[in-house]
Amino acid sequence: MEEHNKWKIKFSLIMVILIIIIYGSNYLVLGDGEHIISYVWTHLGFIPLDILIVAFLLEGIIEKKEKEAMLEKLDMLMSTFFSELGNDLITQLSIANKYKANTTNLKSIKDWDDEDYNNKLKELKDSPVDFLADVAPENREEFLENLRELLVNKREFIINLINNPNLLEKEEFTNLITAILHLDEELEHRKDLSLVNDADFNHLNIDMNRVYNILVHEWVYYLKYLNKHHPYMIALLIRTNPFDEDASVYVTE
């Protein structure tokens, strides 16, 4: 028999002996067996109740801790996403966006606190930013080719993300990955991007708009997470802010 089972048996026997000694001495001194039986019976009735309360309480605590740990991993997964794809994608789309004025306030994100982040996230949820790729017809092929190349190069990375079962716990991020995969598919099926006419480009704009709206929201959410948990990591994202045309990766002060 294993050593750890031996001590459990010894411990159990000692406890049983102590119970017999305690209640036996009580009976010998007080001679009230009925009271002892009533006392034991009453407390035995509370054991299932105690187990029930503790079981549900512990289950709730464990589930909460597990969910917090999982969401923490997902938030860190977003760091990989923006490093691999998100930052480049948001930059390409932002440069082409006709409605840049709607995101000018994101230039000052370096000075935001938690309340500013929460207000902006609520605003983005209630009123998504407008997006329209303002690209001259003669430049559309190059713009779409660059976008397609970016998505094709990161396709395996995107598929690996969508295969992560924990991703389902984060609905917005799941929607973003799904929207990116759809845009990738749309561009991949257009073998000759020079054939994209106005009507077709308008259709692609709908897909880009869907990606852009969720992408901006998740970018702000990600910066909020870094600002709270890993402030040293946010400095680089601020210096490469895609909404600030004057942003520079080089530290100047």
Foldseek 3Di string as FASTA:
>chain_A
DDPVVVVVVVVVVVVVVVVCVVVVVVCVVVVCPVVVVVVVVVVVVCVVVVCVVVVVVVVVVVVVVVLVVLVVVVLVVVVVVCVLALVVLLLLQLVQWPPLVQCLVVLPVVPDDLVVLVVVLVCLVVPFDDGDRNDPLVCQQVSLVVLLVSCVVCVVVLVVVLPPVSCVVPPLVNQLSVLSVVLNVLSVVCPRRNPQDPVNSVVSRVSSSSNNSSSVSVVSVSLNVCVPPPVVVNVQCSLSPSSDPPRHNDDDD
